[in-house]
Amino acid sequence: MRFPVRLLLCLALVLPAPGFAGEQVVLVVGDSLSAAYGIDRDQGWPQLLQQQLQQAGYPHRVVNASISGDTTSAGLARLPRALERHAPAVVILALGANDGLRGIAHEEMQRNLARMIRLSREQQARVLMVGMHLPPNYGAEYLARFHAVYTRLADEYDVALAPFMLAGLMLDDALVPDESMFQADGIHPVAAAQPLILETLWPYLQPLLEGD
């Protein structure tokens, strides 16, 4: 039975394109720091990661599900659908900055991230959690409690943790930001900073790509 050409074209538009043999998905669930806020999306670190994976011969495809402004609560709400749709081998959880900036309770942030870790593992995905630091004006006690959420979860669930996503954009160990690496708002990295973010995350991500 022959299908009309028009019908075949319609099917090609509707049906999802098959992945390459052996292809695995790296799912990035983050906020504006991963959504290439203020720069071209192709310049963001997730797209640079895709290029690096291809050049190194990894059979992985990066799906960037990051949305500017997302909190851990918003990320948790949409994670089940993303896991079902993409069946990722690796999930990168790069959330929490907006929780901290908005003063959301650390306990709520921890519960949300814990649930995201469990959901990812239920789908047999390996997890990389990406930590953040907040501006010093929030106070030493608040900052310590905020960052402790990441270390506590990494210990409890034995997941990989990149302690500070923007570590490569700091001038020294005192976490003084290099202003040339940030946009005018002082929060979002410029395009030139994106390779440094990827360089910071890569040592923690690479073992997960190898299945370690």
Protein backbone atom coordinates (compact mmCIF):
# COMPACT_ATOMS: atom_id res chain seq x y z
CA MET A 1 0.00 0.00 0.00
CA ARG A 2 1.39 3.36 -1.01
CA PHE A 3 1.05 6.43 1.20
CA PRO A 4 0.48 9.77 -0.50
CA VAL A 5 3.50 12.03 -0.32
CA ARG A 6 1.50 14.67 1.57
CA LEU A 7 0.58 12.14 4.27
CA LEU A 8 4.19 11.07 4.69
CA LEU A 9 5.24 14.69 5.11
CA CYS A 10 2.58 15.21 7.77
CA LEU A 11 3.75 12.15 9.67
CA ALA A 12 7.32 13.40 9.56
CA LEU A 13 6.23 16.63 11.19
CA VAL A 14 4.12 14.98 13.89
CA LEU A 15 6.17 11.98 14.96
CA PRO A 16 9.26 12.52 17.13
CA ALA A 17 12.57 12.11 15.43
CA PRO A 18 14.38 8.91 16.47
CA GLY A 19 17.58 9.32 18.46
CA PHE A 20 20.90 8.00 17.32
CA ALA A 21 21.80 4.47 18.31
CA GLY A 22 23.25 4.44 21.80
CA GLU A 23 22.28 8.07 22.41
CA GLN A 24 21.84 9.08 26.05
CA VAL A 25 20.31 12.24 27.39
CA VAL A 26 21.84 14.69 29.86
CA LEU A 27 18.92 16.65 31.30
CA VAL A 28 19.74 20.09 32.74
CA VAL A 29 17.12 21.42 35.15
CA GLY A 30 18.13 24.89 36.23
CA ASP A 31 17.28 28.57 36.39
CA SER A 32 18.54 31.65 34.55
CA LEU A 33 22.17 30.71 35.21
CA SER A 34 21.65 27.68 32.99
CA ALA A 35 19.07 29.21 30.64
CA ALA A 36 21.58 31.63 29.07
CA TYR A 37 19.81 34.68 30.44
CA GLY A 38 20.85 37.87 28.65
CA ILE A 39 22.99 36.11 26.05
CA ASP A 40 22.36 33.99 22.98
CA ARG A 41 21.17 30.54 23.99
CA ASP A 42 23.86 28.93 21.85
CA GLN A 43 26.46 30.66 24.04
CA GLY A 44 25.21 29.14 27.30
CA TRP A 45 27.19 26.46 29.09
CA PRO A 46 24.67 23.66 28.33
CA GLN A 47 25.14 24.22 24.60
CA LEU A 48 28.90 24.37 25.09
CA LEU A 49 28.59 21.07 26.95
CA GLN A 50 26.84 19.57 23.93
CA GLN A 51 29.71 20.68 21.71
CA GLN A 52 32.29 19.25 24.11
CA LEU A 53 30.49 15.92 24.30
CA GLN A 54 30.35 15.65 20.53
CA GLN A 55 34.02 16.53 20.14
CA ALA A 56 35.00 13.96 22.77
CA GLY A 57 32.88 11.25 21.18
CA TYR A 58 30.32 10.84 23.95
CA PRO A 59 26.95 9.44 22.81
CA HIS A 60 25.02 12.02 24.82
CA ARG A 61 22.51 14.68 23.87
CA VAL A 62 21.97 17.66 26.17
CA VAL A 63 18.39 18.69 26.85
CA ASN A 64 18.34 22.07 28.54
CA ALA A 65 15.10 22.31 30.53
CA SER A 66 16.19 25.38 32.46
CA ILE A 67 13.81 28.31 32.95
CA SER A 68 14.76 31.75 34.20
CA GLY A 69 13.31 32.52 37.61
CA ASP A 70 12.68 28.92 38.55
CA THR A 71 12.78 27.89 42.19
CA THR A 72 13.21 24.32 43.42
CA SER A 73 9.44 24.13 43.78
CA ALA A 74 8.88 25.04 40.13
CA GLY A 75 11.61 22.64 39.02
CA LEU A 76 10.07 19.83 41.02
CA ALA A 77 6.64 20.48 39.50
CA ARG A 78 7.90 19.95 35.96
CA LEU A 79 10.55 17.31 36.55
CA PRO A 80 8.28 14.22 36.31
CA ARG A 81 7.17 15.17 32.80
CA ALA A 82 10.75 15.87 31.71
CA LEU A 83 11.92 12.51 33.07
CA GLU A 84 9.10 10.70 31.31
CA ARG A 85 9.71 12.46 28.03
CA HIS A 86 13.50 12.26 27.85
CA ALA A 87 14.43 9.22 30.00
CA PRO A 88 17.80 10.81 30.84
CA ALA A 89 20.92 8.92 31.80
CA VAL A 90 22.16 11.94 33.77
CA VAL A 91 20.22 14.73 35.48
CA ILE A 92 21.94 17.98 36.41
CA LEU A 93 20.05 19.79 39.16
CA ALA A 94 21.17 23.43 39.10
CA LEU A 95 18.51 25.03 41.27
CA GLY A 96 18.28 26.85 44.57
CA ALA A 97 19.66 30.31 43.83
CA ASN A 98 16.20 31.84 43.51
CA ASP A 99 15.06 30.09 46.68
CA GLY A 100 17.90 31.73 48.55
CA LEU A 101 17.42 35.17 47.00
CA ARG A 102 13.70 35.09 47.80
CA GLY A 103 14.17 33.92 51.36
CA ILE A 104 12.33 30.64 50.85
CA ALA A 105 12.74 28.36 53.87
CA HIS A 106 15.84 26.19 53.65
CA GLU A 107 13.76 23.21 54.77
CA GLU A 108 11.43 23.60 51.79
CA MET A 109 14.35 23.94 49.41
CA GLN A 110 15.90 20.79 50.85
CA ARG A 111 12.66 18.81 50.58
CA ASN A 112 12.23 19.84 46.95
CA LEU A 113 15.76 18.94 45.94
CA ALA A 114 15.56 15.64 47.82
CA ARG A 115 12.38 14.76 45.96
CA MET A 116 14.02 15.63 42.64
CA ILE A 117 16.95 13.38 43.45
CA ARG A 118 14.63 10.49 44.33
CA LEU A 119 12.49 10.96 41.21
CA SER A 120 15.59 10.99 39.01
CA ARG A 121 16.95 7.84 40.61
CA GLU A 122 13.62 6.08 40.23
CA GLN A 123 14.15 6.57 36.49
CA GLN A 124 17.68 5.10 36.78
CA ALA A 125 19.34 8.46 36.14
CA ARG A 126 22.62 9.51 37.73
CA VAL A 127 22.45 12.90 39.45
CA LEU A 128 24.79 15.85 39.61
CA MET A 129 23.70 18.53 42.05
CA VAL A 130 25.11 22.01 41.44
CA GLY A 131 25.54 24.23 44.49
CA MET A 132 25.37 28.00 44.73
CA HIS A 133 26.53 30.79 47.02
CA LEU A 134 24.59 33.96 47.77
CA PRO A 135 25.77 37.59 48.10
CA PRO A 136 27.42 38.34 51.47
CA ASN A 137 24.77 40.90 52.44
CA TYR A 138 22.45 38.01 53.35
CA GLY A 139 24.56 37.38 56.43
CA ALA A 140 27.02 34.67 57.38
CA GLU A 141 24.50 32.49 59.24
CA TYR A 142 21.96 32.54 56.40
CA LEU A 143 24.67 31.77 53.84
CA ALA A 144 26.01 28.86 55.87
CA ARG A 145 22.54 27.33 56.29
CA PHE A 146 21.80 27.81 52.60
CA HIS A 147 24.95 26.10 51.35
CA ALA A 148 24.61 23.34 53.95
CA VAL A 149 21.46 22.19 52.13
CA TYR A 150 23.59 21.02 49.20
CA THR A 151 26.26 19.29 51.24
CA ARG A 152 23.67 17.62 53.47
CA LEU A 153 21.79 16.21 50.49
CA ALA A 154 24.99 15.09 48.78
CA ASP A 155 25.96 13.14 51.90
CA GLU A 156 22.49 11.71 52.53
CA TYR A 157 21.87 10.54 48.97
CA ASP A 158 25.49 10.00 47.93
CA VAL A 159 25.16 12.15 44.82
CA ALA A 160 27.85 14.11 43.01
CA LEU A 161 28.05 17.75 44.07
CA ALA A 162 29.72 20.64 42.31
CA PRO A 163 29.92 22.94 45.36
CA PHE A 164 29.73 26.30 43.59
CA MET A 165 28.60 26.76 40.01
CA LEU A 166 30.31 30.15 39.60
CA ALA A 167 33.58 29.27 41.32
CA GLY A 168 35.55 29.94 38.14
CA LEU A 169 34.23 33.50 38.01
CA MET A 170 35.63 34.48 41.40
CA LEU A 171 38.90 36.36 41.89
CA ASP A 172 39.97 34.44 45.00
CA ASP A 173 38.91 32.02 47.71
CA ALA A 174 37.05 34.85 49.46
CA LEU A 175 34.45 34.57 46.66
CA VAL A 176 34.99 38.08 45.32
CA PRO A 177 33.37 38.11 41.87
CA ASP A 178 35.28 39.15 38.79
CA GLU A 179 32.98 41.95 37.61
CA SER A 180 34.10 41.51 34.00
CA MET A 181 32.47 38.06 34.01
CA PHE A 182 29.01 39.37 34.88
CA GLN A 183 26.34 41.36 33.11
CA ALA A 184 25.31 44.81 34.32
CA ASP A 185 22.96 43.28 36.92
CA GLY A 186 25.96 41.74 38.68
CA ILE A 187 24.17 38.37 38.85
CA HIS A 188 24.12 36.75 35.42
CA PRO A 189 27.36 35.69 33.71
CA VAL A 190 28.34 37.05 30.31
CA ALA A 191 29.00 34.85 27.30
CA ALA A 192 32.76 34.84 27.97
CA ALA A 193 32.09 33.30 31.39
CA GLN A 194 30.20 30.28 30.08
CA PRO A 195 33.29 28.16 29.22
CA LEU A 196 34.55 28.75 32.77
CA ILE A 197 31.25 27.50 34.21
CA LEU A 198 31.51 24.37 32.09
CA GLU A 199 35.13 23.93 33.15
CA THR A 200 34.00 24.07 36.80
CA LEU A 201 31.25 21.48 36.31
CA TRP A 202 33.06 19.07 34.01
CA PRO A 203 35.18 17.17 36.60
CA TYR A 204 32.01 16.32 38.53
CA LEU A 205 29.98 15.46 35.44
CA GLN A 206 32.47 13.35 33.49
CA PRO A 207 32.43 10.34 35.88
CA LEU A 208 28.62 10.22 35.59
CA LEU A 209 28.88 10.07 31.81
CA GLU A 210 31.18 7.08 32.18
CA GLY A 211 28.66 5.41 34.48
CA ASP A 212 30.84 5.71 37.59
